[in-house]
C-alpha atoms as a PDB file:
ATOM      1  CA  MET A   1     -51.120  13.830  74.702  1.00  0.00           C
ATOM      2  CA  THR A   2     -48.620  12.794  77.254  1.00  0.00           C
ATOM      3  CA  PRO A   3     -46.457   9.749  76.875  1.00  0.00           C
ATOM      4  CA  ASN A   4     -48.102   8.670  79.939  1.00  0.00           C
ATOM      5  CA  THR A   5     -51.758   8.365  78.233  1.00  0.00           C
ATOM      6  CA  PRO A   6     -52.783   4.922  78.698  1.00  0.00           C
ATOM      7  CA  PHE A   7     -53.401   2.782  75.347  1.00  0.00           C
ATOM      8  CA  PHE A   8     -57.017   2.582  75.744  1.00  0.00           C
ATOM      9  CA  GLY A   9     -56.940   6.481  76.026  1.00  0.00           C
ATOM     10  CA  ARG A  10     -55.161   6.936  72.468  1.00  0.00           C
ATOM     11  CA  GLU A  11     -57.582   4.354  70.868  1.00  0.00           C
ATOM     12  CA  SER A  12     -60.997   5.923  72.199  1.00  0.00           C
ATOM     13  CA  LEU A  13     -59.116   9.487  70.744  1.00  0.00           C
ATOM     14  CA  LEU A  14     -58.299   7.702  67.137  1.00  0.00           C
ATOM     15  CA  VAL A  15     -61.771   6.203  67.104  1.00  0.00           C
ATOM     16  CA  GLY A  16     -63.438   9.342  67.771  1.00  0.00           C
ATOM     17  CA  ALA A  17     -61.281  11.389  65.290  1.00  0.00           C
ATOM     18  CA  LEU A  18     -62.032   8.447  62.869  1.00  0.00           C
ATOM     19  CA  ALA A  19     -65.786   9.190  63.493  1.00  0.00           C
ATOM     20  CA  ALA A  20     -65.291  13.025  63.101  1.00  0.00           C
ATOM     21  CA  LEU A  21     -63.848  12.315  59.641  1.00  0.00           C
ATOM     22  CA  MET A  22     -66.541  10.145  58.384  1.00  0.00           C
ATOM     23  CA  ALA A  23     -69.006  12.821  59.504  1.00  0.00           C
ATOM     24  CA  ILE A  24     -67.215  15.689  57.714  1.00  0.00           C
ATOM     25  CA  PRO A  25     -69.207  16.244  53.808  1.00  0.00           C
ATOM     26  CA  GLY A  26     -67.420  16.494  50.873  1.00  0.00           C
ATOM     27  CA  LEU A  27     -64.722  13.819  52.135  1.00  0.00           C
ATOM     28  CA  GLN A  28     -63.437  11.725  49.245  1.00  0.00           C
ATOM     29  CA  ALA A  29     -65.351   8.563  49.361  1.00  0.00           C
ATOM     30  CA  ALA A  30     -64.031   5.494  51.348  1.00  0.00           C
ATOM     31  CA  THR A  31     -62.321   3.049  48.787  1.00  0.00           C
ATOM     32  CA  LEU A  32     -63.150  -0.498  49.127  1.00  0.00           C
ATOM     33  CA  GLU A  33     -59.899  -1.162  50.832  1.00  0.00           C
ATOM     34  CA  GLU A  34     -60.439   1.913  53.270  1.00  0.00           C
ATOM     35  CA  ILE A  35     -63.844   0.270  53.988  1.00  0.00           C
ATOM     36  CA  ARG A  36     -62.353  -3.433  54.849  1.00  0.00           C
ATOM     37  CA  GLU A  37     -60.069  -1.663  56.845  1.00  0.00           C
ATOM     38  CA  ARG A  38     -62.304   0.463  58.934  1.00  0.00           C
ATOM     39  CA  GLY A  39     -64.350  -2.485  59.197  1.00  0.00           C
ATOM     40  CA  VAL A  40     -67.590  -1.276  58.702  1.00  0.00           C
ATOM     41  CA  ILE A  41     -69.802   0.407  55.858  1.00  0.00           C
ATOM     42  CA  ARG A  42     -72.789   2.697  56.099  1.00  0.00           C
ATOM     43  CA  ILE A  43     -75.513   1.997  54.189  1.00  0.00           C
ATOM     44  CA  ALA A  44     -78.729   3.960  53.922  1.00  0.00           C
ATOM     45  CA  VAL A  45     -82.232   2.854  53.314  1.00  0.00           C
ATOM     46  CA  ALA A  46     -85.386   5.242  53.090  1.00  0.00           C
ATOM     47  CA  ASN A  47     -88.050   2.702  55.253  1.00  0.00           C
ATOM     48  CA  GLU A  48     -89.620   1.599  52.141  1.00  0.00           C
ATOM     49  CA  GLN A  49     -91.124  -1.815  51.850  1.00  0.00           C
ATOM     50  CA  PRO A  50     -90.235  -4.225  50.342  1.00  0.00           C
ATOM     51  CA  TYR A  51     -87.528  -2.360  48.890  1.00  0.00           C
ATOM     52  CA  GLY A  52     -85.378  -1.520  52.536  1.00  0.00           C
ATOM     53  CA  TYR A  53     -86.587  -0.657  55.724  1.00  0.00           C
ATOM     54  CA  LEU A  54     -85.604  -1.457  59.539  1.00  0.00           C
ATOM     55  CA  ASN A  55     -87.797  -3.389  61.715  1.00  0.00           C
ATOM     56  CA  GLU A  56     -88.659  -2.410  65.321  1.00  0.00           C
ATOM     57  CA  GLU A  57     -85.263  -4.113  66.473  1.00  0.00           C
ATOM     58  CA  GLY A  58     -83.169  -2.381  63.792  1.00  0.00           C
ATOM     59  CA  GLU A  59     -83.041  -5.175  61.640  1.00  0.00           C
ATOM     60  CA  ALA A  60     -82.393  -4.146  58.180  1.00  0.00           C
ATOM     61  CA  LEU A  61     -84.865  -6.039  55.814  1.00  0.00           C
ATOM     62  CA  GLY A  62     -86.076  -5.893  52.327  1.00  0.00           C
ATOM     63  CA  VAL A  63     -84.510  -6.932  48.985  1.00  0.00           C
ATOM     64  CA  GLY A  64     -81.815  -4.419  48.881  1.00  0.00           C
ATOM     65  CA  PRO A  65     -80.640  -5.077  52.432  1.00  0.00           C
ATOM     66  CA  GLU A  66     -80.662  -8.727  52.010  1.00  0.00           C
ATOM     67  CA  VAL A  67     -78.908  -8.933  48.722  1.00  0.00           C
ATOM     68  CA  ALA A  68     -76.490  -6.329  49.821  1.00  0.00           C
ATOM     69  CA  GLN A  69     -75.759  -8.227  52.966  1.00  0.00           C
ATOM     70  CA  ARG A  70     -74.464 -11.085  50.820  1.00  0.00           C
ATOM     71  CA  ILE A  71     -72.426  -8.976  48.274  1.00  0.00           C
ATOM     72  CA  LEU A  72     -70.579  -7.539  51.103  1.00  0.00           C
ATOM     73  CA  LYS A  73     -69.846 -10.548  52.947  1.00  0.00           C
ATOM     74  CA  GLU A  74     -68.267 -11.910  49.447  1.00  0.00           C
ATOM     75  CA  LEU A  75     -66.511  -8.421  49.416  1.00  0.00           C
ATOM     76  CA  GLY A  76     -64.990  -9.256  52.821  1.00  0.00           C
ATOM     77  CA  ILE A  77     -67.539  -6.780  54.905  1.00  0.00           C
ATOM     78  CA  GLU A  78     -68.939  -8.268  57.735  1.00  0.00           C
ATOM     79  CA  GLU A  79     -70.340  -5.188  59.544  1.00  0.00           C
ATOM     80  CA  ILE A  80     -72.686  -2.987  58.072  1.00  0.00           C
ATOM     81  CA  GLU A  81     -74.157   0.679  60.111  1.00  0.00           C
ATOM     82  CA  TRP A  82     -77.869   1.101  58.545  1.00  0.00           C
ATOM     83  CA  VAL A  83     -78.816   4.506  58.715  1.00  0.00           C
ATOM     84  CA  GLU A  84     -82.262   5.651  58.360  1.00  0.00           C
ATOM     85  CA  SER A  85     -82.699   8.353  55.410  1.00  0.00           C
ATOM     86  CA  GLU A  86     -85.604  10.512  53.955  1.00  0.00           C
ATOM     87  CA  PHE A  87     -85.817   9.180  50.505  1.00  0.00           C
ATOM     88  CA  LYS A  88     -85.219  12.477  49.279  1.00  0.00           C
ATOM     89  CA  ASN A  89     -82.063  13.095  51.058  1.00  0.00           C
ATOM     90  CA  LEU A  90     -80.313   9.782  49.773  1.00  0.00           C
ATOM     91  CA  ILE A  91     -78.542  11.414  47.177  1.00  0.00           C
ATOM     92  CA  SER A  92     -77.391  14.758  48.875  1.00  0.00           C
ATOM     93  CA  GLY A  93     -76.445  12.300  51.746  1.00  0.00           C
ATOM     94  CA  LEU A  94     -74.184  10.033  49.473  1.00  0.00           C
ATOM     95  CA  GLU A  95     -73.014  13.057  47.918  1.00  0.00           C
ATOM     96  CA  ALA A  96     -72.053  14.786  51.579  1.00  0.00           C
ATOM     97  CA  GLY A  97     -70.327  11.350  52.666  1.00  0.00           C
ATOM     98  CA  HIS A  98     -72.718  10.711  55.071  1.00  0.00           C
ATOM     99  CA  PHE A  99     -72.960   7.010  54.135  1.00  0.00           C
ATOM    100  CA  ASP A 100     -71.091   4.994  51.766  1.00  0.00           C
ATOM    101  CA  MET A 101     -73.548   3.161  50.267  1.00  0.00           C
ATOM    102  CA  ALA A 102     -77.645   3.053  49.295  1.00  0.00           C
ATOM    103  CA  ALA A 103     -79.779   0.195  49.418  1.00  0.00           C
ATOM    104  CA  ALA A 104     -83.207   1.337  48.770  1.00  0.00           C
ATOM    105  CA  GLU A 105     -83.659   0.091  45.123  1.00  0.00           C
ATOM    106  CA  MET A 106     -83.514   3.508  43.705  1.00  0.00           C
ATOM    107  CA  ALA A 107     -84.551   3.866  40.140  1.00  0.00           C
ATOM    108  CA  ILE A 108     -81.607   4.408  37.732  1.00  0.00           C
ATOM    109  CA  MET A 109     -82.600   7.874  35.876  1.00  0.00           C
ATOM    110  CA  PRO A 110     -80.028  10.203  34.015  1.00  0.00           C
ATOM    111  CA  GLU A 111     -80.316  13.080  36.179  1.00  0.00           C
ATOM    112  CA  ARG A 112     -79.500  11.382  39.289  1.00  0.00           C
ATOM    113  CA  CYS A 113     -76.714   9.549  37.355  1.00  0.00           C
ATOM    114  CA  THR A 114     -74.771  13.096  37.039  1.00  0.00           C
ATOM    115  CA  ARG A 115     -74.660  13.098  40.708  1.00  0.00           C
ATOM    116  CA  VAL A 116     -74.229   9.857  42.217  1.00  0.00           C
ATOM    117  CA  LEU A 117     -72.874   6.311  40.757  1.00  0.00           C
ATOM    118  CA  PHE A 118     -75.168   3.156  40.370  1.00  0.00           C
ATOM    119  CA  SER A 119     -75.031  -0.295  40.419  1.00  0.00           C
ATOM    120  CA  ASP A 120     -76.346  -2.590  37.634  1.00  0.00           C
ATOM    121  CA  PRO A 121     -79.919  -3.200  38.055  1.00  0.00           C
ATOM    122  CA  ASN A 122     -80.909  -5.427  41.306  1.00  0.00           C
ATOM    123  CA  THR A 123     -84.675  -4.844  40.617  1.00  0.00           C
ATOM    124  CA  SER A 124     -87.372  -3.621  38.368  1.00  0.00           C
ATOM    125  CA  TYR A 125     -91.118  -2.530  38.963  1.00  0.00           C
ATOM    126  CA  GLY A 126     -93.723  -1.040  37.756  1.00  0.00           C
ATOM    127  CA  GLU A 127     -96.375   1.590  38.701  1.00  0.00           C
ATOM    128  CA  GLY A 128     -99.313   1.413  41.209  1.00  0.00           C
ATOM    129  CA  LEU A 129    -102.065   3.359  42.969  1.00  0.00           C
ATOM    130  CA  LEU A 130    -103.652   3.004  46.575  1.00  0.00           C
ATOM    131  CA  VAL A 131    -107.386   4.462  46.974  1.00  0.00           C
ATOM    132  CA  LEU A 132    -109.606   4.371  49.512  1.00  0.00           C
ATOM    133  CA  ALA A 133    -111.530   1.054  50.035  1.00  0.00           C
ATOM    134  CA  SER A 134    -113.764   0.223  47.313  1.00  0.00           C
ATOM    135  CA  ASN A 135    -112.598   3.175  45.127  1.00  0.00           C
ATOM    136  CA  PRO A 136    -115.630   5.329  45.414  1.00  0.00           C
ATOM    137  CA  ASN A 137    -114.050   7.803  42.984  1.00  0.00           C
ATOM    138  CA  ASN A 138    -113.486   5.082  40.400  1.00  0.00           C
ATOM    139  CA  ILE A 139    -109.492   6.438  39.845  1.00  0.00           C
ATOM    140  CA  ARG A 140    -107.849   3.747  37.888  1.00  0.00           C
ATOM    141  CA  ALA A 141    -105.031   5.272  36.015  1.00  0.00           C
ATOM    142  CA  TYR A 142    -102.490   8.429  36.345  1.00  0.00           C
ATOM    143  CA  GLU A 143    -104.150   9.842  33.517  1.00  0.00           C
ATOM    144  CA  ASP A 144    -107.529  10.231  35.607  1.00  0.00           C
ATOM    145  CA  PHE A 145    -105.975  13.065  37.539  1.00  0.00           C
ATOM    146  CA  VAL A 146    -105.278  14.783  34.190  1.00  0.00           C
ATOM    147  CA  GLU A 147    -108.847  14.432  32.700  1.00  0.00           C
ATOM    148  CA  ARG A 148    -110.034  15.176  36.111  1.00  0.00           C
ATOM    149  CA  SER A 149    -107.765  17.712  37.737  1.00  0.00           C
ATOM    150  CA  ASP A 150    -110.642  19.777  39.010  1.00  0.00           C
ATOM    151  CA  THR A 151    -111.976  17.078  41.315  1.00  0.00           C
ATOM    152  CA  ILE A 152    -109.110  14.664  42.255  1.00  0.00           C
ATOM    153  CA  ARG A 153    -105.992  15.083  43.872  1.00  0.00           C
ATOM    154  CA  VAL A 154    -103.293  12.634  44.199  1.00  0.00           C
ATOM    155  CA  ALA A 155    -100.606  12.239  46.801  1.00  0.00           C
ATOM    156  CA  VAL A 156     -96.900  11.209  46.110  1.00  0.00           C
ATOM    157  CA  GLN A 157     -93.631  10.855  48.044  1.00  0.00           C
ATOM    158  CA  GLU A 158     -91.637  13.815  47.963  1.00  0.00           C
ATOM    159  CA  GLY A 159     -88.451  13.344  45.724  1.00  0.00           C
ATOM    160  CA  THR A 160     -89.332  10.310  43.689  1.00  0.00           C
ATOM    161  CA  VAL A 161     -89.741   9.504  40.343  1.00  0.00           C
ATOM    162  CA  THR A 162     -93.461   9.300  40.494  1.00  0.00           C
ATOM    163  CA  GLN A 163     -93.636  12.934  41.378  1.00  0.00           C
ATOM    164  CA  GLU A 164     -91.916  13.833  38.471  1.00  0.00           C
ATOM    165  CA  MET A 165     -94.355  11.968  36.474  1.00  0.00           C
ATOM    166  CA  PHE A 166     -97.091  13.783  37.439  1.00  0.00           C
ATOM    167  CA  THR A 167     -95.347  17.068  37.155  1.00  0.00           C
ATOM    168  CA  ALA A 168     -94.304  16.044  33.568  1.00  0.00           C
ATOM    169  CA  LEU A 169     -97.830  15.354  32.760  1.00  0.00           C
ATOM    170  CA  GLY A 170     -98.929  18.956  33.418  1.00  0.00           C
ATOM    171  CA  ILE A 171    -101.157  18.313  36.669  1.00  0.00           C
ATOM    172  CA  ASP A 172    -101.546  21.745  38.489  1.00  0.00           C
ATOM    173  CA  PRO A 173     -99.327  21.466  41.325  1.00  0.00           C
ATOM    174  CA  ASP A 174    -101.957  22.280  43.661  1.00  0.00           C
ATOM    175  CA  ARG A 175    -103.756  18.916  42.827  1.00  0.00           C
ATOM    176  CA  ILE A 176    -100.328  17.313  44.036  1.00  0.00           C
ATOM    177  CA  VAL A 177    -100.352  16.721  47.562  1.00  0.00           C
ATOM    178  CA  THR A 178     -96.595  15.338  48.662  1.00  0.00           C
ATOM    179  CA  VAL A 179     -95.736  13.420  51.650  1.00  0.00           C
ATOM    180  CA  GLU A 180     -92.101  12.734  53.286  1.00  0.00           C
ATOM    181  CA  ARG A 181     -93.057   9.539  54.966  1.00  0.00           C
ATOM    182  CA  LEU A 182     -95.171   6.622  53.638  1.00  0.00           C
ATOM    183  CA  PRO A 183     -97.569   6.307  56.523  1.00  0.00           C
ATOM    184  CA  GLU A 184     -98.460  10.199  55.602  1.00  0.00           C
ATOM    185  CA  ALA A 185     -99.984   8.660  52.504  1.00  0.00           C
ATOM    186  CA  VAL A 186    -102.424   6.525  54.045  1.00  0.00           C
ATOM    187  CA  ASP A 187    -103.588   9.191  56.519  1.00  0.00           C
ATOM    188  CA  ALA A 188    -104.081  11.634  53.635  1.00  0.00           C
ATOM    189  CA  ILE A 189    -106.426   9.331  51.727  1.00  0.00           C
ATOM    190  CA  VAL A 190    -108.346   8.833  54.917  1.00  0.00           C
ATOM    191  CA  ARG A 191    -108.605  12.145  56.012  1.00  0.00           C
ATOM    192  CA  GLY A 192    -109.426  13.411  52.576  1.00  0.00           C
ATOM    193  CA  ARG A 193    -106.335  15.460  51.714  1.00  0.00           C
ATOM    194  CA  ALA A 194    -105.970  13.207  48.629  1.00  0.00           C
ATOM    195  CA  ASP A 195    -108.095  10.758  46.835  1.00  0.00           C
ATOM    196  CA  ALA A 196    -105.405   8.356  46.030  1.00  0.00           C
ATOM    197  CA  PHE A 197    -101.751   7.642  46.421  1.00  0.00           C
ATOM    198  CA  ALA A 198     -99.414   7.071  43.575  1.00  0.00           C
ATOM    199  CA  ALA A 199     -96.303   5.222  44.002  1.00  0.00           C
ATOM    200  CA  THR A 200     -94.400   1.998  42.720  1.00  0.00           C
ATOM    201  CA  GLY A 201     -96.986  -1.226  42.518  1.00  0.00           C
ATOM    202  CA  MET A 202     -94.754  -2.780  45.664  1.00  0.00           C
ATOM    203  CA  THR A 203     -95.045   0.139  47.624  1.00  0.00           C
ATOM    204  CA  VAL A 204     -98.786   0.138  46.952  1.00  0.00           C
ATOM    205  CA  ALA A 205     -98.949  -3.440  47.935  1.00  0.00           C
ATOM    206  CA  ALA A 206     -97.101  -2.748  51.220  1.00  0.00           C
ATOM    207  CA  LEU A 207     -99.506   0.143  52.633  1.00  0.00           C
ATOM    208  CA  GLU A 208    -102.660  -1.881  51.530  1.00  0.00           C
ATOM    209  CA  ASP A 209    -101.844  -4.190  54.503  1.00  0.00           C
ATOM    210  CA  THR A 210    -101.403  -1.207  56.814  1.00  0.00           C
ATOM    211  CA  SER A 211    -105.260  -0.263  57.141  1.00  0.00           C
ATOM    212  CA  PRO A 212    -108.349  -1.497  55.801  1.00  0.00           C
ATOM    213  CA  ARG A 213    -109.617   1.710  54.782  1.00  0.00           C
ATOM    214  CA  VAL A 214    -107.354   1.733  51.982  1.00  0.00           C
ATOM    215  CA  GLU A 215    -106.583  -0.578  49.101  1.00  0.00           C
ATOM    216  CA  ALA A 216    -104.613  -1.248  45.799  1.00  0.00           C
ATOM    217  CA  GLU A 217    -106.291  -0.400  42.703  1.00  0.00           C
ATOM    218  CA  PHE A 218    -106.796  -4.181  41.369  1.00  0.00           C
ATOM    219  CA  ASN A 219    -107.747  -2.949  37.718  1.00  0.00           C
ATOM    220  CA  PHE A 220    -105.011  -0.105  37.789  1.00  0.00           C
ATOM    221  CA  LYS A 221    -104.090   0.372  33.984  1.00  0.00           C
ATOM    222  CA  ASP A 222    -100.111   1.099  33.863  1.00  0.00           C
ATOM    223  CA  PRO A 223     -99.059   4.499  32.550  1.00  0.00           C
ATOM    224  CA  VAL A 224     -98.058   4.865  29.111  1.00  0.00           C
ATOM    225  CA  ILE A 225     -95.792   7.924  27.883  1.00  0.00           C
ATOM    226  CA  ASN A 226     -94.877   8.539  24.507  1.00  0.00           C
ATOM    227  CA  GLY A 227     -95.884   5.218  23.532  1.00  0.00           C
ATOM    228  CA  GLN A 228     -94.008   3.444  26.272  1.00  0.00           C
ATOM    229  CA  GLU A 229     -94.936   1.699  29.372  1.00  0.00           C
ATOM    230  CA  ILE A 230     -93.616   3.099  32.192  1.00  0.00           C
ATOM    231  CA  ARG A 231     -90.967   0.823  34.577  1.00  0.00           C
ATOM    232  CA  TYR A 232     -88.123   1.741  36.564  1.00  0.00           C
ATOM    233  CA  PHE A 233     -84.680  -0.286  37.030  1.00  0.00           C
ATOM    234  CA  GLY A 234     -83.856  -0.387  40.814  1.00  0.00           C
ATOM    235  CA  GLY A 235     -80.067  -0.428  41.942  1.00  0.00           C
ATOM    236  CA  PHE A 236     -77.246   0.487  44.770  1.00  0.00           C
ATOM    237  CA  ALA A 237     -76.238   3.921  44.794  1.00  0.00           C
ATOM    238  CA  PHE A 238     -72.981   5.293  45.768  1.00  0.00           C
ATOM    239  CA  PRO A 239     -70.797   8.618  46.149  1.00  0.00           C
ATOM    240  CA  PRO A 240     -69.919   9.844  42.901  1.00  0.00           C
ATOM    241  CA  ASP A 241     -66.240   9.184  43.075  1.00  0.00           C
ATOM    242  CA  ALA A 242     -66.705   5.386  44.412  1.00  0.00           C
ATOM    243  CA  GLU A 243     -65.889   3.811  41.502  1.00  0.00           C
ATOM    244  CA  ASP A 244     -64.081   0.828  42.982  1.00  0.00           C
ATOM    245  CA  LEU A 245     -66.839  -0.204  45.591  1.00  0.00           C
ATOM    246  CA  ARG A 246     -69.196   0.148  42.574  1.00  0.00           C
ATOM    247  CA  ASP A 247     -67.570  -1.959  40.450  1.00  0.00           C
ATOM    248  CA  ALA A 248     -67.178  -4.550  43.168  1.00  0.00           C
ATOM    249  CA  VAL A 249     -70.630  -4.670  43.827  1.00  0.00           C
ATOM    250  CA  ASN A 250     -71.316  -5.157  40.204  1.00  0.00           C
ATOM    251  CA  GLU A 251     -69.303  -7.917  40.035  1.00  0.00           C
ATOM    252  CA  GLU A 252     -70.793  -9.619  42.843  1.00  0.00           C
ATOM    253  CA  LEU A 253     -74.339  -8.461  42.150  1.00  0.00           C
ATOM    254  CA  LEU A 254     -73.776 -10.418  38.885  1.00  0.00           C
ATOM    255  CA  GLU A 255     -72.553 -13.514  40.360  1.00  0.00           C
ATOM    256  CA  GLU A 256     -75.537 -13.424  42.972  1.00  0.00           C
ATOM    257  CA  LYS A 257     -78.112 -12.934  40.024  1.00  0.00           C
ATOM    258  CA  ARG A 258     -76.891 -15.938  38.446  1.00  0.00           C
ATOM    259  CA  TYR A 259     -75.844 -18.547  40.927  1.00  0.00           C
ATOM    260  CA  GLY A 260     -76.857 -17.032  44.315  1.00  0.00           C
ATOM    261  CA  ASP A 261     -80.135 -16.847  46.282  1.00  0.00           C
ATOM    262  CA  TRP A 262     -81.212 -13.570  44.534  1.00  0.00           C
ATOM    263  CA  GLN A 263     -84.166 -14.649  42.636  1.00  0.00           C
ATOM    264  CA  GLN A 264     -85.732 -16.507  45.463  1.00  0.00           C
ATOM    265  CA  THR A 265     -84.996 -12.965  47.707  1.00  0.00           C
ATOM    266  CA  LEU A 266     -87.065 -10.922  45.313  1.00  0.00           C
ATOM    267  CA  ALA A 267     -89.627 -13.664  45.001  1.00  0.00           C
ATOM    268  CA  ARG A 268     -90.226 -14.070  48.959  1.00  0.00           C
ATOM    269  CA  TYR A 269     -90.772  -9.927  48.834  1.00  0.00           C
ATOM    270  CA  GLY A 270     -93.528 -10.198  45.913  1.00  0.00           C
ATOM    271  CA  PHE A 271     -91.677  -9.187  43.180  1.00  0.00           C
ATOM    272  CA  MET A 272     -93.323 -11.185  40.176  1.00  0.00           C
ATOM    273  CA  SER A 273     -91.197 -13.186  37.125  1.00  0.00           C
ATOM    274  CA  LYS A 274     -91.839  -9.921  35.045  1.00  0.00           C
ATOM    275  CA  ASP A 275     -90.102  -7.474  37.356  1.00  0.00           C
ATOM    276  CA  ILE A 276     -87.024 -10.246  37.779  1.00  0.00           C
ATOM    277  CA  ILE A 277     -86.907 -10.888  34.273  1.00  0.00           C
ATOM    278  CA  TYR A 278     -86.508  -7.130  33.376  1.00  0.00           C
ATOM    279  CA  SER A 279     -84.237  -6.277  35.839  1.00  0.00           C
ATOM    280  CA  TYR A 280     -81.791  -8.047  32.966  1.00  0.00           C
ATOM    281  CA  ARG A 281     -82.943  -5.560  30.087  1.00  0.00           C
ATOM    282  CA  PHE A 282     -80.371  -2.816  30.817  1.00  0.00           C
ATOM    283  CA  ASN A 283     -77.419  -1.958  32.570  1.00  0.00           C
ATOM    284  CA  ALA A 284     -76.551   1.191  34.582  1.00  0.00           C
ATOM    285  CA  ASP A 285     -74.653   2.899  31.695  1.00  0.00           C
ATOM    286  CA  GLN A 286     -77.809   2.354  29.518  1.00  0.00           C
ATOM    287  CA  LEU A 287     -79.880   3.526  31.878  1.00  0.00           C
ATOM    288  CA  CYS A 288     -77.811   6.474  32.659  1.00  0.00           C
ATOM    289  CA  SER A 289     -77.770   7.244  29.174  1.00  0.00           C
ATOM    290  CA  GLY A 290     -81.522   7.100  28.640  1.00  0.00           C
ATOM    291  CA  ALA A 291     -82.607   3.532  27.691  1.00  0.00           C
ATOM    292  CA  GLY A 292     -85.405   2.227  29.676  1.00  0.00           C
END
């Protein structure tokens, strides 16, 4: 660069260099202060209603993004760059530094805690089942796929805890149909590739509204494994070395749950009183240690 280079040219080069550095996998995660100085935070969503998704105008909606925006504003971060990601790529994306945070209400589980950091729970949610309209195969529980494994098939979203659950139940992998995107689940049922789609209750309820040819099974029986009802606790996720950002978000999340519009936001997206109350049951450390 020569001394005669215009200022705006130098600025453009600096911005370009910064963008390039931000995109290099494996870099140390940006600190909260660095994000404040940068002026923008990159947050991933998995386009899953009602947890975190982008509408046609690119606006981030869902309980994760809405709560995150209020928290980050309190932390002095006004601008958010929303990143669409496949659910299965959220953890690897955080590890590689492709984004600074995920607001997808990912379930906090011990094996995931070995790879990324989690906030305390922002939500809790149970399981559900999407079937053909009128449920001609009379599928009402996940256990049906164990007892009738030679006649019915289940679809699950790749990389989710539901997929792990069916594998743990010992269902033949040939009877499990994996989909990457949620709209593919409806198509799999309608076209006969699968007889039902298993996912969280909130996901199933949102998919029911997308087609008259499918419905959420009203009489669904919650799965019970080792005598315990299956329930998940979703939180914000961060790169493995972003402790200061995680800790700051945790502090503001506690304030939001105590004094903010957190409960109203969850209720507006369809979360029930049980879901809201259960979110207080464990913190992230307990869930990472196997509680829940």
